[in-house]
Amino acid sequence: MPGYYDYVLGAIPLALLGLTAILTAAGLSLSMAVPASAGVSLLLVGHALFVNGPVDAPADAPDASATNAPVNAD
């Protein structure tokens, strides 16, 4: 089942290629459409990293490594 970050990874090239094509078809020059589309992709990455950033585990969840004793190889 795809999650939030799967959708973000799919939206990045979609914004780069699709928005560039739409802006170029609307009459904007290619040298202006590409940076505008890259800015939208940058906003997507920034949202995924800083607004809805990845976390390891919730603070109230028990640590999985604390319940399992380390393996002694000696």
PDB file of N, CA and C in Angstrom:
ATOM      1  N   MET A   1       0.850  -1.175   0.000  1.00  0.00           N
ATOM      2  CA  MET A   1       0.000   0.000   0.000  1.00  0.00           C
ATOM      3  C   MET A   1       0.895   1.236   0.000  1.00  0.00           C
ATOM      4  N   PRO A   2       0.729   2.093  -0.996  1.00  0.00           N
ATOM      5  CA  PRO A   2       1.600   3.272  -1.068  1.00  0.00           C
ATOM      6  C   PRO A   2       1.300   4.253   0.052  1.00  0.00           C
ATOM      7  N   GLY A   3       2.364   4.859   0.543  1.00  0.00           N
ATOM      8  CA  GLY A   3       2.241   5.837   1.610  1.00  0.00           C
ATOM      9  C   GLY A   3       2.498   7.239   1.093  1.00  0.00           C
ATOM     10  N   TYR A   4       2.594   8.156   2.016  1.00  0.00           N
ATOM     11  CA  TYR A   4       2.784   9.575   1.688  1.00  0.00           C
ATOM     12  C   TYR A   4       4.054   9.796   0.865  1.00  0.00           C
ATOM     13  N   TYR A   5       5.148   9.169   1.278  1.00  0.00           N
ATOM     14  CA  TYR A   5       6.422   9.405   0.601  1.00  0.00           C
ATOM     15  C   TYR A   5       6.456   8.764  -0.769  1.00  0.00           C
ATOM     16  N   ASP A   6       5.690   7.703  -0.995  1.00  0.00           N
ATOM     17  CA  ASP A   6       5.579   7.139  -2.333  1.00  0.00           C
ATOM     18  C   ASP A   6       4.886   8.117  -3.265  1.00  0.00           C
ATOM     19  N   TYR A   7       3.855   8.777  -2.765  1.00  0.00           N
ATOM     20  CA  TYR A   7       3.172   9.781  -3.576  1.00  0.00           C
ATOM     21  C   TYR A   7       4.063  10.990  -3.857  1.00  0.00           C
ATOM     22  N   VAL A   8       4.855  11.384  -2.882  1.00  0.00           N
ATOM     23  CA  VAL A   8       5.767  12.512  -3.096  1.00  0.00           C
ATOM     24  C   VAL A   8       6.809  12.153  -4.151  1.00  0.00           C
ATOM     25  N   LEU A   9       7.359  10.933  -4.072  1.00  0.00           N
ATOM     26  CA  LEU A   9       8.345  10.515  -5.069  1.00  0.00           C
ATOM     27  C   LEU A   9       7.745  10.442  -6.466  1.00  0.00           C
ATOM     28  N   GLY A  10       6.475  10.119  -6.575  1.00  0.00           N
ATOM     29  CA  GLY A  10       5.821  10.126  -7.875  1.00  0.00           C
ATOM     30  C   GLY A  10       5.477  11.514  -8.355  1.00  0.00           C
ATOM     31  N   ALA A  11       5.210  12.420  -7.426  1.00  0.00           N
ATOM     32  CA  ALA A  11       4.812  13.782  -7.803  1.00  0.00           C
ATOM     33  C   ALA A  11       5.992  14.639  -8.253  1.00  0.00           C
ATOM     34  N   ILE A  12       7.193  14.298  -7.827  1.00  0.00           N
ATOM     35  CA  ILE A  12       8.351  15.114  -8.191  1.00  0.00           C
ATOM     36  C   ILE A  12       8.590  15.102  -9.709  1.00  0.00           C
ATOM     37  N   PRO A  13       8.750  13.934 -10.353  1.00  0.00           N
ATOM     38  CA  PRO A  13       8.929  13.991 -11.820  1.00  0.00           C
ATOM     39  C   PRO A  13       7.671  14.436 -12.553  1.00  0.00           C
ATOM     40  N   LEU A  14       6.511  14.150 -11.970  1.00  0.00           N
ATOM     41  CA  LEU A  14       5.270  14.605 -12.586  1.00  0.00           C
ATOM     42  C   LEU A  14       5.221  16.129 -12.628  1.00  0.00           C
ATOM     43  N   ALA A  15       5.641  16.762 -11.540  1.00  0.00           N
ATOM     44  CA  ALA A  15       5.666  18.227 -11.510  1.00  0.00           C
ATOM     45  C   ALA A  15       6.726  18.769 -12.460  1.00  0.00           C
ATOM     46  N   LEU A  16       7.885  18.127 -12.479  1.00  0.00           N
ATOM     47  CA  LEU A  16       8.946  18.613 -13.368  1.00  0.00           C
ATOM     48  C   LEU A  16       8.545  18.512 -14.838  1.00  0.00           C
ATOM     49  N   LEU A  17       8.103  17.345 -15.239  1.00  0.00           N
ATOM     50  CA  LEU A  17       7.793  17.143 -16.659  1.00  0.00           C
ATOM     51  C   LEU A  17       6.418  17.686 -17.038  1.00  0.00           C
ATOM     52  N   GLY A  18       5.424  17.372 -16.233  1.00  0.00           N
ATOM     53  CA  GLY A  18       4.070  17.777 -16.576  1.00  0.00           C
ATOM     54  C   GLY A  18       3.853  19.275 -16.524  1.00  0.00           C
ATOM     55  N   LEU A  19       4.326  19.889 -15.459  1.00  0.00           N
ATOM     56  CA  LEU A  19       4.142  21.333 -15.329  1.00  0.00           C
ATOM     57  C   LEU A  19       4.972  22.095 -16.366  1.00  0.00           C
ATOM     58  N   THR A  20       6.149  21.566 -16.687  1.00  0.00           N
ATOM     59  CA  THR A  20       6.943  22.188 -17.748  1.00  0.00           C
ATOM     60  C   THR A  20       6.198  22.132 -19.071  1.00  0.00           C
ATOM     61  N   ALA A  21       5.603  20.996 -19.375  1.00  0.00           N
ATOM     62  CA  ALA A  21       4.844  20.866 -20.624  1.00  0.00           C
ATOM     63  C   ALA A  21       3.629  21.790 -20.635  1.00  0.00           C
ATOM     64  N   ILE A  22       2.938  21.861 -19.518  1.00  0.00           N
ATOM     65  CA  ILE A  22       1.744  22.723 -19.450  1.00  0.00           C
ATOM     66  C   ILE A  22       2.124  24.188 -19.597  1.00  0.00           C
ATOM     67  N   LEU A  23       3.172  24.610 -18.893  1.00  0.00           N
ATOM     68  CA  LEU A  23       3.585  26.013 -18.984  1.00  0.00           C
ATOM     69  C   LEU A  23       4.124  26.356 -20.364  1.00  0.00           C
ATOM     70  N   THR A  24       4.823  25.421 -20.990  1.00  0.00           N
ATOM     71  CA  THR A  24       5.332  25.661 -22.341  1.00  0.00           C
ATOM     72  C   THR A  24       4.171  25.740 -23.339  1.00  0.00           C
ATOM     73  N   ALA A  25       3.191  24.872 -23.176  1.00  0.00           N
ATOM     74  CA  ALA A  25       2.020  24.905 -24.066  1.00  0.00           C
ATOM     75  C   ALA A  25       1.201  26.175 -23.844  1.00  0.00           C
ATOM     76  N   ALA A  26       1.252  26.722 -22.635  1.00  0.00           N
ATOM     77  CA  ALA A  26       0.510  27.949 -22.346  1.00  0.00           C
ATOM     78  C   ALA A  26       1.206  29.189 -22.896  1.00  0.00           C
ATOM     79  N   GLY A  27       2.422  29.024 -23.418  1.00  0.00           N
ATOM     80  CA  GLY A  27       3.087  30.152 -24.044  1.00  0.00           C
ATOM     81  C   GLY A  27       4.313  30.663 -23.319  1.00  0.00           C
ATOM     82  N   LEU A  28       4.628  30.078 -22.178  1.00  0.00           N
ATOM     83  CA  LEU A  28       5.824  30.477 -21.437  1.00  0.00           C
ATOM     84  C   LEU A  28       7.048  29.841 -22.092  1.00  0.00           C
ATOM     85  N   SER A  29       8.141  30.578 -22.143  1.00  0.00           N
ATOM     86  CA  SER A  29       9.336  30.017 -22.768  1.00  0.00           C
ATOM     87  C   SER A  29       9.873  28.865 -21.920  1.00  0.00           C
ATOM     88  N   LEU A  30      10.592  27.967 -22.562  1.00  0.00           N
ATOM     89  CA  LEU A  30      11.126  26.797 -21.877  1.00  0.00           C
ATOM     90  C   LEU A  30      12.118  27.195 -20.788  1.00  0.00           C
ATOM     91  N   SER A  31      12.857  28.269 -21.016  1.00  0.00           N
ATOM     92  CA  SER A  31      13.829  28.717 -20.014  1.00  0.00           C
ATOM     93  C   SER A  31      13.160  29.328 -18.783  1.00  0.00           C
ATOM     94  N   MET A  32      11.885  29.613 -18.845  1.00  0.00           N
ATOM     95  CA  MET A  32      11.136  30.080 -17.677  1.00  0.00           C
ATOM     96  C   MET A  32      10.275  28.968 -17.085  1.00  0.00           C
ATOM     97  N   ALA A  33       9.822  28.035 -17.919  1.00  0.00           N
ATOM     98  CA  ALA A  33       8.944  26.967 -17.450  1.00  0.00           C
ATOM     99  C   ALA A  33       9.705  25.946 -16.614  1.00  0.00           C
ATOM    100  N   VAL A  34      10.937  25.650 -16.978  1.00  0.00           N
ATOM    101  CA  VAL A  34      11.715  24.648 -16.235  1.00  0.00           C
ATOM    102  C   VAL A  34      12.020  25.113 -14.813  1.00  0.00           C
ATOM    103  N   PRO A  35      12.509  26.349 -14.584  1.00  0.00           N
ATOM    104  CA  PRO A  35      12.731  26.767 -13.194  1.00  0.00           C
ATOM    105  C   PRO A  35      11.446  26.859 -12.371  1.00  0.00           C
ATOM    106  N   ALA A  36      10.350  27.235 -12.994  1.00  0.00           N
ATOM    107  CA  ALA A  36       9.087  27.283 -12.261  1.00  0.00           C
ATOM    108  C   ALA A  36       8.663  25.880 -11.833  1.00  0.00           C
ATOM    109  N   SER A  37       8.810  24.922 -12.714  1.00  0.00           N
ATOM    110  CA  SER A  37       8.475  23.538 -12.378  1.00  0.00           C
ATOM    111  C   SER A  37       9.436  22.970 -11.340  1.00  0.00           C
ATOM    112  N   ALA A  38      10.692  23.328 -11.442  1.00  0.00           N
ATOM    113  CA  ALA A  38      11.669  22.880 -10.447  1.00  0.00           C
ATOM    114  C   ALA A  38      11.362  23.470  -9.077  1.00  0.00           C
ATOM    115  N   GLY A  39      10.842  24.682  -9.044  1.00  0.00           N
ATOM    116  CA  GLY A  39      10.451  25.292  -7.779  1.00  0.00           C
ATOM    117  C   GLY A  39       9.303  24.555  -7.119  1.00  0.00           C
ATOM    118  N   VAL A  40       8.351  24.086  -7.920  1.00  0.00           N
ATOM    119  CA  VAL A  40       7.241  23.303  -7.378  1.00  0.00           C
ATOM    120  C   VAL A  40       7.765  21.975  -6.835  1.00  0.00           C
ATOM    121  N   SER A  41       8.669  21.348  -7.562  1.00  0.00           N
ATOM    122  CA  SER A  41       9.263  20.097  -7.085  1.00  0.00           C
ATOM    123  C   SER A  41      10.053  20.326  -5.806  1.00  0.00           C
ATOM    124  N   LEU A  42      10.734  21.432  -5.720  1.00  0.00           N
ATOM    125  CA  LEU A  42      11.481  21.765  -4.511  1.00  0.00           C
ATOM    126  C   LEU A  42      10.539  21.959  -3.329  1.00  0.00           C
ATOM    127  N   LEU A  43       9.399  22.561  -3.567  1.00  0.00           N
ATOM    128  CA  LEU A  43       8.407  22.709  -2.496  1.00  0.00           C
ATOM    129  C   LEU A  43       7.871  21.354  -2.037  1.00  0.00           C
ATOM    130  N   LEU A  44       7.685  20.434  -2.963  1.00  0.00           N
ATOM    131  CA  LEU A  44       7.244  19.082  -2.594  1.00  0.00           C
ATOM    132  C   LEU A  44       8.277  18.390  -1.716  1.00  0.00           C
ATOM    133  N   VAL A  45       9.542  18.476  -2.102  1.00  0.00           N
ATOM    134  CA  VAL A  45      10.610  17.856  -1.314  1.00  0.00           C
ATOM    135  C   VAL A  45      10.724  18.526   0.048  1.00  0.00           C
ATOM    136  N   GLY A  46      10.637  19.843   0.082  1.00  0.00           N
ATOM    137  CA  GLY A  46      10.708  20.564   1.349  1.00  0.00           C
ATOM    138  C   GLY A  46       9.565  20.201   2.283  1.00  0.00           C
ATOM    139  N   HIS A  47       8.384  20.020   1.732  1.00  0.00           N
ATOM    140  CA  HIS A  47       7.252  19.620   2.570  1.00  0.00           C
ATOM    141  C   HIS A  47       7.464  18.219   3.125  1.00  0.00           C
ATOM    142  N   ALA A  48       7.967  17.326   2.288  1.00  0.00           N
ATOM    143  CA  ALA A  48       8.176  15.947   2.733  1.00  0.00           C
ATOM    144  C   ALA A  48       9.289  15.849   3.771  1.00  0.00           C
ATOM    145  N   LEU A  49      10.274  16.733   3.709  1.00  0.00           N
ATOM    146  CA  LEU A  49      11.391  16.667   4.650  1.00  0.00           C
ATOM    147  C   LEU A  49      11.138  17.425   5.937  1.00  0.00           C
ATOM    148  N   PHE A  50      10.543  18.608   5.840  1.00  0.00           N
ATOM    149  CA  PHE A  50      10.499  19.483   7.003  1.00  0.00           C
ATOM    150  C   PHE A  50       9.111  19.640   7.625  1.00  0.00           C
ATOM    151  N   VAL A  51       8.063  19.634   6.817  1.00  0.00           N
ATOM    152  CA  VAL A  51       6.724  19.794   7.371  1.00  0.00           C
ATOM    153  C   VAL A  51       6.174  18.450   7.841  1.00  0.00           C
ATOM    154  N   ASN A  52       6.263  17.454   6.979  1.00  0.00           N
ATOM    155  CA  ASN A  52       5.781  16.115   7.304  1.00  0.00           C
ATOM    156  C   ASN A  52       6.978  15.169   7.268  1.00  0.00           C
ATOM    157  N   GLY A  53       7.973  15.463   8.076  1.00  0.00           N
ATOM    158  CA  GLY A  53       9.225  14.740   8.044  1.00  0.00           C
ATOM    159  C   GLY A  53       9.122  13.316   8.548  1.00  0.00           C
ATOM    160  N   PRO A  54      10.028  12.479   8.073  1.00  0.00           N
ATOM    161  CA  PRO A  54      10.030  11.092   8.528  1.00  0.00           C
ATOM    162  C   PRO A  54      10.504  10.994   9.979  1.00  0.00           C
ATOM    163  N   VAL A  55       9.921  10.068  10.702  1.00  0.00           N
ATOM    164  CA  VAL A  55      10.314   9.814  12.087  1.00  0.00           C
ATOM    165  C   VAL A  55      10.636   8.337  12.222  1.00  0.00           C
ATOM    166  N   ASP A  56      11.502   8.016  13.184  1.00  0.00           N
ATOM    167  CA  ASP A  56      11.868   6.620  13.404  1.00  0.00           C
ATOM    168  C   ASP A  56      10.739   5.846  14.056  1.00  0.00           C
ATOM    169  N   ALA A  57      10.269   6.318  15.197  1.00  0.00           N
ATOM    170  CA  ALA A  57       9.187   5.661  15.920  1.00  0.00           C
ATOM    171  C   ALA A  57       8.537   6.689  16.829  1.00  0.00           C
ATOM    172  N   PRO A  58       7.279   6.496  17.169  1.00  0.00           N
ATOM    173  CA  PRO A  58       6.648   7.413  18.124  1.00  0.00           C
ATOM    174  C   PRO A  58       7.369   7.373  19.471  1.00  0.00           C
ATOM    175  N   ALA A  59       7.295   8.467  20.200  1.00  0.00           N
ATOM    176  CA  ALA A  59       8.017   8.568  21.471  1.00  0.00           C
ATOM    177  C   ALA A  59       7.457   7.617  22.524  1.00  0.00           C
ATOM    178  N   ASP A  60       6.171   7.292  22.443  1.00  0.00           N
ATOM    179  CA  ASP A  60       5.587   6.411  23.448  1.00  0.00           C
ATOM    180  C   ASP A  60       5.718   4.925  23.101  1.00  0.00           C
ATOM    181  N   ALA A  61       6.247   4.609  21.904  1.00  0.00           N
ATOM    182  CA  ALA A  61       6.410   3.206  21.513  1.00  0.00           C
ATOM    183  C   ALA A  61       7.675   2.642  22.159  1.00  0.00           C
ATOM    184  N   PRO A  62       7.625   1.406  22.606  1.00  0.00           N
ATOM    185  CA  PRO A  62       8.832   0.813  23.191  1.00  0.00           C
ATOM    186  C   PRO A  62       9.896   0.605  22.125  1.00  0.00           C
ATOM    187  N   ASP A  63      11.131   0.765  22.526  1.00  0.00           N
ATOM    188  CA  ASP A  63      12.258   0.596  21.620  1.00  0.00           C
ATOM    189  C   ASP A  63      12.470  -0.890  21.361  1.00  0.00           C
ATOM    190  N   ALA A  64      12.496  -1.284  20.102  1.00  0.00           N
ATOM    191  CA  ALA A  64      12.628  -2.707  19.761  1.00  0.00           C
ATOM    192  C   ALA A  64      14.006  -3.242  20.131  1.00  0.00           C
ATOM    193  N   SER A  65      15.021  -2.397  20.061  1.00  0.00           N
ATOM    194  CA  SER A  65      16.364  -2.881  20.386  1.00  0.00           C
ATOM    195  C   SER A  65      16.543  -3.076  21.893  1.00  0.00           C
ATOM    196  N   ALA A  66      15.733  -2.422  22.714  1.00  0.00           N
ATOM    197  CA  ALA A  66      15.855  -2.568  24.161  1.00  0.00           C
ATOM    198  C   ALA A  66      15.278  -3.896  24.626  1.00  0.00           C
ATOM    199  N   THR A  67      14.308  -4.431  23.896  1.00  0.00           N
ATOM    200  CA  THR A  67      13.706  -5.697  24.307  1.00  0.00           C
ATOM    201  C   THR A  67      14.529  -6.890  23.864  1.00  0.00           C
ATOM    202  N   ASN A  68      15.290  -6.757  22.817  1.00  0.00           N
ATOM    203  CA  ASN A  68      16.121  -7.850  22.326  1.00  0.00           C
ATOM    204  C   ASN A  68      17.534  -7.697  22.878  1.00  0.00           C
ATOM    205  N   ALA A  69      18.026  -8.719  23.515  1.00  0.00           N
ATOM    206  CA  ALA A  69      19.382  -8.682  24.052  1.00  0.00           C
ATOM    207  C   ALA A  69      20.374  -8.782  22.903  1.00  0.00           C
ATOM    208  N   PRO A  70      21.481  -8.069  22.970  1.00  0.00           N
ATOM    209  CA  PRO A  70      22.474  -8.163  21.904  1.00  0.00           C
ATOM    210  C   PRO A  70      23.097  -9.554  21.838  1.00  0.00           C
ATOM    211  N   VAL A  71      23.465  -9.967  20.672  1.00  0.00           N
ATOM    212  CA  VAL A  71      24.063 -11.273  20.470  1.00  0.00           C
ATOM    213  C   VAL A  71      25.544 -11.195  20.801  1.00  0.00           C
ATOM    214  N   ASN A  72      25.984 -12.092  21.647  1.00  0.00           N
ATOM    215  CA  ASN A  72      27.396 -12.159  22.010  1.00  0.00           C
ATOM    216  C   ASN A  72      28.081 -13.169  21.103  1.00  0.00           C
ATOM    217  N   ALA A  73      29.001 -12.713  20.281  1.00  0.00           N
ATOM    218  CA  ALA A  73      29.635 -13.578  19.308  1.00  0.00           C
ATOM    219  C   ALA A  73      30.823 -14.345  19.886  1.00  0.00           C
ATOM    220  N   ASP A  74      31.172 -14.116  21.132  1.00  0.00           N
ATOM    221  CA  ASP A  74      32.311 -14.826  21.714  1.00  0.00           C
ATOM    222  C   ASP A  74      31.956 -16.201  22.177  1.00  0.00           C
TER     223      ASP A  74
END
